PDB file of N, CA and C in Angstrom:
ATOM      1  N   MET A   1      -6.905 -10.500  28.542  1.00  0.00           N
ATOM      2  CA  MET A   1      -5.862 -10.091  29.162  1.00  0.00           C
ATOM      3  C   MET A   1      -5.045  -9.234  28.319  1.00  0.00           C
ATOM      4  N   LYS A   2      -4.592  -7.788  28.778  1.00  0.00           N
ATOM      5  CA  LYS A   2      -3.759  -7.145  27.855  1.00  0.00           C
ATOM      6  C   LYS A   2      -2.404  -7.601  28.038  1.00  0.00           C
ATOM      7  N   THR A   3      -1.765  -7.754  26.681  1.00  0.00           N
ATOM      8  CA  THR A   3      -0.506  -8.178  26.798  1.00  0.00           C
ATOM      9  C   THR A   3       0.630  -7.223  26.937  1.00  0.00           C
ATOM     10  N   ASP A   4       1.728  -7.376  27.036  1.00  0.00           N
ATOM     11  CA  ASP A   4       2.652  -6.332  27.162  1.00  0.00           C
ATOM     12  C   ASP A   4       2.644  -5.450  25.905  1.00  0.00           C
ATOM     13  N   ILE A   5       2.525  -5.804  24.708  1.00  0.00           N
ATOM     14  CA  ILE A   5       2.604  -5.132  23.655  1.00  0.00           C
ATOM     15  C   ILE A   5       1.306  -4.335  23.520  1.00  0.00           C
ATOM     16  N   ASP A   6       0.097  -4.853  23.985  1.00  0.00           N
ATOM     17  CA  ASP A   6      -1.213  -4.059  24.070  1.00  0.00           C
ATOM     18  C   ASP A   6      -0.817  -2.877  24.870  1.00  0.00           C
ATOM     19  N   LYS A   7      -0.295  -2.915  26.003  1.00  0.00           N
ATOM     20  CA  LYS A   7      -0.067  -1.807  27.062  1.00  0.00           C
ATOM     21  C   LYS A   7       0.863  -0.879  26.395  1.00  0.00           C
ATOM     22  N   PHE A   8       1.967  -1.388  25.655  1.00  0.00           N
ATOM     23  CA  PHE A   8       2.774  -0.444  25.072  1.00  0.00           C
ATOM     24  C   PHE A   8       2.013   0.448  24.032  1.00  0.00           C
ATOM     25  N   VAL A   9       1.330  -0.116  23.154  1.00  0.00           N
ATOM     26  CA  VAL A   9       0.599   0.546  22.062  1.00  0.00           C
ATOM     27  C   VAL A   9      -0.537   1.630  22.798  1.00  0.00           C
ATOM     28  N   ILE A  10      -1.244   1.115  23.806  1.00  0.00           N
ATOM     29  CA  ILE A  10      -2.193   2.049  24.317  1.00  0.00           C
ATOM     30  C   ILE A  10      -1.594   3.029  24.999  1.00  0.00           C
ATOM     31  N   ASN A  11      -0.381   2.933  25.608  1.00  0.00           N
ATOM     32  CA  ASN A  11       0.282   3.986  26.486  1.00  0.00           C
ATOM     33  C   ASN A  11       0.927   4.909  25.443  1.00  0.00           C
ATOM     34  N   ARG A  12       1.528   4.393  24.279  1.00  0.00           N
ATOM     35  CA  ARG A  12       1.860   5.325  23.179  1.00  0.00           C
ATOM     36  C   ARG A  12       0.950   6.128  22.653  1.00  0.00           C
ATOM     37  N   ILE A  13      -0.191   5.466  22.408  1.00  0.00           N
ATOM     38  CA  ILE A  13      -1.347   6.474  21.727  1.00  0.00           C
ATOM     39  C   ILE A  13      -1.800   7.438  22.837  1.00  0.00           C
ATOM     40  N   ARG A  14      -1.941   7.005  24.030  1.00  0.00           N
ATOM     41  CA  ARG A  14      -2.337   8.130  25.173  1.00  0.00           C
ATOM     42  C   ARG A  14      -1.154   9.200  25.153  1.00  0.00           C
ATOM     43  N   GLU A  15      -0.015   8.725  25.213  1.00  0.00           N
ATOM     44  CA  GLU A  15       1.088   9.905  25.088  1.00  0.00           C
ATOM     45  C   GLU A  15       0.836  10.937  24.142  1.00  0.00           C
ATOM     46  N   MET A  16       0.670  10.301  22.755  1.00  0.00           N
ATOM     47  CA  MET A  16       0.559  11.027  21.589  1.00  0.00           C
ATOM     48  C   MET A  16      -0.810  11.930  21.650  1.00  0.00           C
ATOM     49  N   ARG A  17      -1.651  11.195  22.173  1.00  0.00           N
ATOM     50  CA  ARG A  17      -3.091  11.889  22.282  1.00  0.00           C
ATOM     51  C   ARG A  17      -2.997  13.247  22.936  1.00  0.00           C
ATOM     52  N   LYS A  18      -2.225  13.072  24.206  1.00  0.00           N
ATOM     53  CA  LYS A  18      -1.941  14.206  24.984  1.00  0.00           C
ATOM     54  C   LYS A  18      -1.169  15.315  24.267  1.00  0.00           C
ATOM     55  N   GLU A  19       0.088  14.714  23.587  1.00  0.00           N
ATOM     56  CA  GLU A  19       0.899  15.709  22.856  1.00  0.00           C
ATOM     57  C   GLU A  19       0.152  16.485  21.819  1.00  0.00           C
ATOM     58  N   LYS A  20      -0.851  15.761  21.094  1.00  0.00           N
ATOM     59  CA  LYS A  20      -1.399  16.674  19.996  1.00  0.00           C
ATOM     60  C   LYS A  20      -2.866  17.265  20.577  1.00  0.00           C
ATOM     61  N   GLY A  21      -2.859  17.292  21.932  1.00  0.00           N
ATOM     62  CA  GLY A  21      -4.013  18.255  22.356  1.00  0.00           C
ATOM     63  C   GLY A  21      -5.345  17.336  22.334  1.00  0.00           C
ATOM     64  N   PHE A  22      -5.422  16.137  21.948  1.00  0.00           N
ATOM     65  CA  PHE A  22      -6.880  15.473  22.187  1.00  0.00           C
ATOM     66  C   PHE A  22      -7.132  14.956  23.525  1.00  0.00           C
ATOM     67  N   SER A  23      -8.467  15.372  23.771  1.00  0.00           N
ATOM     68  CA  SER A  23      -8.947  14.579  25.056  1.00  0.00           C
ATOM     69  C   SER A  23      -9.428  13.368  24.638  1.00  0.00           C
ATOM     70  N   GLN A  24      -9.947  12.591  25.767  1.00  0.00           N
ATOM     71  CA  GLN A  24     -10.653  11.296  25.432  1.00  0.00           C
ATOM     72  C   GLN A  24     -11.830  11.654  24.674  1.00  0.00           C
ATOM     73  N   ARG A  25     -12.525  12.643  24.913  1.00  0.00           N
ATOM     74  CA  ARG A  25     -13.838  13.124  24.203  1.00  0.00           C
ATOM     75  C   ARG A  25     -13.440  13.229  22.760  1.00  0.00           C
ATOM     76  N   GLY A  26     -12.332  13.984  22.560  1.00  0.00           N
ATOM     77  CA  GLY A  26     -11.944  14.136  21.006  1.00  0.00           C
ATOM     78  C   GLY A  26     -11.680  13.037  20.296  1.00  0.00           C
ATOM     79  N   MET A  27     -11.191  12.133  20.767  1.00  0.00           N
ATOM     80  CA  MET A  27     -10.921  10.740  20.247  1.00  0.00           C
ATOM     81  C   MET A  27     -12.304  10.128  19.873  1.00  0.00           C
ATOM     82  N   THR A  28     -13.323  10.317  20.631  1.00  0.00           N
ATOM     83  CA  THR A  28     -14.528   9.654  20.233  1.00  0.00           C
ATOM     84  C   THR A  28     -15.086  10.121  18.774  1.00  0.00           C
ATOM     85  N   GLU A  29     -14.807  11.395  18.499  1.00  0.00           N
ATOM     86  CA  GLU A  29     -15.496  11.871  17.384  1.00  0.00           C
ATOM     87  C   GLU A  29     -15.040  11.323  16.052  1.00  0.00           C
ATOM     88  N   PHE A  30     -13.794  10.901  16.026  1.00  0.00           N
ATOM     89  CA  PHE A  30     -13.264  10.054  14.845  1.00  0.00           C
ATOM     90  C   PHE A  30     -13.326   8.764  14.893  1.00  0.00           C
ATOM     91  N   LEU A  31     -13.338   8.165  16.213  1.00  0.00           N
ATOM     92  CA  LEU A  31     -13.407   6.691  16.443  1.00  0.00           C
ATOM     93  C   LEU A  31     -14.853   6.129  16.520  1.00  0.00           C
ATOM     94  N   HIS A  32     -15.924   7.212  16.456  1.00  0.00           N
ATOM     95  CA  HIS A  32     -17.193   6.873  16.751  1.00  0.00           C
ATOM     96  C   HIS A  32     -17.442   5.717  17.737  1.00  0.00           C
ATOM     97  N   CYS A  33     -16.963   6.203  18.941  1.00  0.00           N
ATOM     98  CA  CYS A  33     -17.154   5.363  20.100  1.00  0.00           C
ATOM     99  C   CYS A  33     -17.662   6.184  21.321  1.00  0.00           C
ATOM    100  N   SER A  34     -17.709   5.764  22.493  1.00  0.00           N
ATOM    101  CA  SER A  34     -18.011   6.556  23.586  1.00  0.00           C
ATOM    102  C   SER A  34     -16.832   6.941  24.395  1.00  0.00           C
ATOM    103  N   VAL A  35     -16.793   7.893  25.222  1.00  0.00           N
ATOM    104  CA  VAL A  35     -15.866   8.257  26.261  1.00  0.00           C
ATOM    105  C   VAL A  35     -15.501   7.079  27.116  1.00  0.00           C
ATOM    106  N   GLY A  36     -16.592   6.482  27.542  1.00  0.00           N
ATOM    107  CA  GLY A  36     -16.219   5.367  28.426  1.00  0.00           C
ATOM    108  C   GLY A  36     -15.477   4.110  27.906  1.00  0.00           C
ATOM    109  N   PHE A  37     -15.493   3.928  26.473  1.00  0.00           N
ATOM    110  CA  PHE A  37     -14.699   3.151  25.715  1.00  0.00           C
ATOM    111  C   PHE A  37     -13.146   3.470  25.835  1.00  0.00           C
ATOM    112  N   ILE A  38     -12.986   4.705  25.576  1.00  0.00           N
ATOM    113  CA  ILE A  38     -11.679   5.186  25.484  1.00  0.00           C
ATOM    114  C   ILE A  38     -10.994   5.127  27.000  1.00  0.00           C
ATOM    115  N   GLY A  39     -11.766   5.331  28.170  1.00  0.00           N
ATOM    116  CA  GLY A  39     -11.318   5.081  29.516  1.00  0.00           C
ATOM    117  C   GLY A  39     -11.040   3.891  29.681  1.00  0.00           C
ATOM    118  N   GLN A  40     -11.762   2.826  29.194  1.00  0.00           N
ATOM    119  CA  GLN A  40     -11.625   1.485  29.629  1.00  0.00           C
ATOM    120  C   GLN A  40     -10.436   0.908  28.850  1.00  0.00           C
ATOM    121  N   VAL A  41     -10.091   1.573  27.658  1.00  0.00           N
ATOM    122  CA  VAL A  41      -8.901   1.119  26.903  1.00  0.00           C
ATOM    123  C   VAL A  41      -7.823   1.390  27.616  1.00  0.00           C
ATOM    124  N   GLU A  42      -7.788   2.739  28.144  1.00  0.00           N
ATOM    125  CA  GLU A  42      -6.481   3.442  28.763  1.00  0.00           C
ATOM    126  C   GLU A  42      -6.301   2.938  30.282  1.00  0.00           C
ATOM    127  N   SER A  43      -7.422   2.355  30.839  1.00  0.00           N
ATOM    128  CA  SER A  43      -7.325   1.865  32.220  1.00  0.00           C
ATOM    129  C   SER A  43      -6.828   0.586  32.226  1.00  0.00           C
ATOM    130  N   PRO A  44      -5.975   0.054  33.191  1.00  0.00           N
ATOM    131  CA  PRO A  44      -5.263  -1.173  33.418  1.00  0.00           C
ATOM    132  C   PRO A  44      -6.397  -2.229  33.983  1.00  0.00           C
ATOM    133  N   ASN A  45      -7.603  -1.726  34.270  1.00  0.00           N
ATOM    134  CA  ASN A  45      -8.456  -2.423  35.058  1.00  0.00           C
ATOM    135  C   ASN A  45      -9.422  -3.151  34.111  1.00  0.00           C
ATOM    136  N   TYR A  46      -9.424  -2.817  32.898  1.00  0.00           N
ATOM    137  CA  TYR A  46     -10.264  -3.372  31.870  1.00  0.00           C
ATOM    138  C   TYR A  46      -9.529  -4.250  30.859  1.00  0.00           C
ATOM    139  N   GLU A  47     -10.151  -5.137  30.090  1.00  0.00           N
ATOM    140  CA  GLU A  47      -9.434  -5.736  29.103  1.00  0.00           C
ATOM    141  C   GLU A  47      -9.626  -5.108  27.664  1.00  0.00           C
ATOM    142  N   THR A  48     -10.338  -4.166  27.749  1.00  0.00           N
ATOM    143  CA  THR A  48     -10.745  -3.423  26.409  1.00  0.00           C
ATOM    144  C   THR A  48      -9.529  -2.835  25.664  1.00  0.00           C
ATOM    145  N   LYS A  49      -9.412  -3.036  24.516  1.00  0.00           N
ATOM    146  CA  LYS A  49      -8.335  -2.745  23.694  1.00  0.00           C
ATOM    147  C   LYS A  49      -8.697  -2.017  22.306  1.00  0.00           C
ATOM    148  N   TYR A  50      -8.001  -1.307  21.612  1.00  0.00           N
ATOM    149  CA  TYR A  50      -8.304  -0.996  20.462  1.00  0.00           C
ATOM    150  C   TYR A  50      -8.199  -2.004  19.211  1.00  0.00           C
ATOM    151  N   SER A  51      -8.976  -1.797  18.540  1.00  0.00           N
ATOM    152  CA  SER A  51      -8.993  -2.752  17.218  1.00  0.00           C
ATOM    153  C   SER A  51      -7.975  -2.408  16.307  1.00  0.00           C
ATOM    154  N   VAL A  52      -7.436  -3.161  15.226  1.00  0.00           N
ATOM    155  CA  VAL A  52      -6.589  -2.884  14.261  1.00  0.00           C
ATOM    156  C   VAL A  52      -7.220  -1.624  13.610  1.00  0.00           C
ATOM    157  N   TYR A  53      -8.410  -1.633  13.195  1.00  0.00           N
ATOM    158  CA  TYR A  53      -9.164  -0.566  12.290  1.00  0.00           C
ATOM    159  C   TYR A  53      -8.968   0.752  13.119  1.00  0.00           C
ATOM    160  N   GLN A  54      -9.141   0.695  14.633  1.00  0.00           N
ATOM    161  CA  GLN A  54      -9.136   2.092  15.306  1.00  0.00           C
ATOM    162  C   GLN A  54      -7.852   2.524  15.426  1.00  0.00           C
ATOM    163  N   ILE A  55      -6.798   1.689  15.388  1.00  0.00           N
ATOM    164  CA  ILE A  55      -5.483   2.019  15.471  1.00  0.00           C
ATOM    165  C   ILE A  55      -5.137   2.702  14.093  1.00  0.00           C
ATOM    166  N   TYR A  56      -5.521   2.137  13.023  1.00  0.00           N
ATOM    167  CA  TYR A  56      -5.575   2.800  11.652  1.00  0.00           C
ATOM    168  C   TYR A  56      -6.011   4.196  11.736  1.00  0.00           C
ATOM    169  N   GLN A  57      -7.294   4.261  12.222  1.00  0.00           N
ATOM    170  CA  GLN A  57      -7.948   5.549  12.202  1.00  0.00           C
ATOM    171  C   GLN A  57      -7.090   6.658  12.937  1.00  0.00           C
ATOM    172  N   ILE A  58      -6.567   6.174  14.274  1.00  0.00           N
ATOM    173  CA  ILE A  58      -5.906   7.037  15.069  1.00  0.00           C
ATOM    174  C   ILE A  58      -4.604   7.602  14.311  1.00  0.00           C
ATOM    175  N   ALA A  59      -3.859   6.723  13.755  1.00  0.00           N
ATOM    176  CA  ALA A  59      -2.649   7.210  12.898  1.00  0.00           C
ATOM    177  C   ALA A  59      -3.101   7.960  11.732  1.00  0.00           C
ATOM    178  N   LYS A  60      -4.070   7.954  11.180  1.00  0.00           N
ATOM    179  CA  LYS A  60      -4.722   8.863  10.146  1.00  0.00           C
ATOM    180  C   LYS A  60      -4.964  10.184  10.722  1.00  0.00           C
ATOM    181  N   GLU A  61      -5.535  10.179  11.867  1.00  0.00           N
ATOM    182  CA  GLU A  61      -5.929  11.340  12.393  1.00  0.00           C
ATOM    183  C   GLU A  61      -4.775  12.145  13.140  1.00  0.00           C
ATOM    184  N   PHE A  62      -3.776  11.415  13.649  1.00  0.00           N
ATOM    185  CA  PHE A  62      -2.511  11.894  14.203  1.00  0.00           C
ATOM    186  C   PHE A  62      -1.477  12.173  13.113  1.00  0.00           C
ATOM    187  N   GLU A  63      -1.766  12.019  11.940  1.00  0.00           N
ATOM    188  CA  GLU A  63      -0.972  12.198  10.859  1.00  0.00           C
ATOM    189  C   GLU A  63       0.446  11.506  11.077  1.00  0.00           C
ATOM    190  N   CYS A  64       0.315  10.207  11.378  1.00  0.00           N
ATOM    191  CA  CYS A  64       1.741   9.451  11.591  1.00  0.00           C
ATOM    192  C   CYS A  64       1.608   8.004  11.183  1.00  0.00           C
ATOM    193  N   SER A  65       2.632   7.343  11.118  1.00  0.00           N
ATOM    194  CA  SER A  65       2.624   5.874  10.822  1.00  0.00           C
ATOM    195  C   SER A  65       2.058   5.067  11.817  1.00  0.00           C
ATOM    196  N   ILE A  66       1.272   4.022  11.440  1.00  0.00           N
ATOM    197  CA  ILE A  66       1.024   2.920  12.455  1.00  0.00           C
ATOM    198  C   ILE A  66       2.080   2.399  13.203  1.00  0.00           C
ATOM    199  N   ALA A  67       3.279   2.449  12.721  1.00  0.00           N
ATOM    200  CA  ALA A  67       4.467   1.810  13.201  1.00  0.00           C
ATOM    201  C   ALA A  67       4.937   2.801  14.608  1.00  0.00           C
ATOM    202  N   ASP A  68       4.493   4.043  14.486  1.00  0.00           N
ATOM    203  CA  ASP A  68       4.939   4.909  15.680  1.00  0.00           C
ATOM    204  C   ASP A  68       4.288   4.515  16.934  1.00  0.00           C
ATOM    205  N   PHE A  69       3.454   3.777  16.968  1.00  0.00           N
ATOM    206  CA  PHE A  69       2.576   3.116  18.026  1.00  0.00           C
ATOM    207  C   PHE A  69       3.413   2.005  18.724  1.00  0.00           C
ATOM    208  N   PHE A  70       4.112   1.384  17.865  1.00  0.00           N
ATOM    209  CA  PHE A  70       4.685  -0.037  18.270  1.00  0.00           C
ATOM    210  C   PHE A  70       6.183   0.013  18.698  1.00  0.00           C
ATOM    211  N   PRO A  71       6.653  -0.673  19.488  1.00  0.00           N
ATOM    212  CA  PRO A  71       8.163  -0.675  19.966  1.00  0.00           C
ATOM    213  C   PRO A  71       8.887  -1.033  18.726  1.00  0.00           C
ATOM    214  N   PRO A  72      10.226  -0.754  18.444  1.00  0.00           N
ATOM    215  CA  PRO A  72      10.852  -1.238  17.412  1.00  0.00           C
ATOM    216  C   PRO A  72      11.192  -2.635  17.613  1.00  0.00           C
ATOM    217  N   THR A  73      11.283  -3.322  16.357  1.00  0.00           N
ATOM    218  CA  THR A  73      11.564  -4.778  16.511  1.00  0.00           C
ATOM    219  C   THR A  73      13.014  -4.877  16.396  1.00  0.00           C
ATOM    220  N   ILE A  74      13.567  -6.120  17.129  1.00  0.00           N
ATOM    221  CA  ILE A  74      14.920  -6.234  17.102  1.00  0.00           C
ATOM    222  C   ILE A  74      15.099  -7.614  16.264  1.00  0.00           C
ATOM    223  N   PRO A  75      15.981  -7.667  15.393  1.00  0.00           N
ATOM    224  CA  PRO A  75      16.111  -8.966  14.477  1.00  0.00           C
ATOM    225  C   PRO A  75      16.782  -9.956  15.634  1.00  0.00           C
ATOM    226  N   GLU A  76      16.356 -11.130  15.304  1.00  0.00           N
ATOM    227  CA  GLU A  76      16.935 -12.084  16.015  1.00  0.00           C
ATOM    228  C   GLU A  76      18.230 -12.664  15.553  1.00  0.00           C
ATOM    229  N   ASN A  77      19.193 -13.022  16.364  1.00  0.00           N
ATOM    230  CA  ASN A  77      20.603 -13.407  15.890  1.00  0.00           C
ATOM    231  C   ASN A  77      20.582 -14.700  15.190  1.00  0.00           C
ATOM    232  N   PRO A  78      21.137 -14.742  14.040  1.00  0.00           N
ATOM    233  CA  PRO A  78      21.078 -16.109  13.321  1.00  0.00           C
ATOM    234  C   PRO A  78      21.721 -17.210  14.011  1.00  0.00           C
TER     235      PRO A  78
END
């Protein structure tokens, strides 16, 4: 099951992918996976998610920080 954080990361990567002009096929070239895999990751109907290594590779290709894919953390009140 995709958690809320999984969905946030996947949606953020999709947004950035489109902003940077990458198609799903373009992502497969540096992730070494199939277009079907990217489609399953981006679809709410599948449980498929990016691995930590894939997220790292995406950040390198997008020339950004891995943190750019995650929501800001809010410190808990003491």
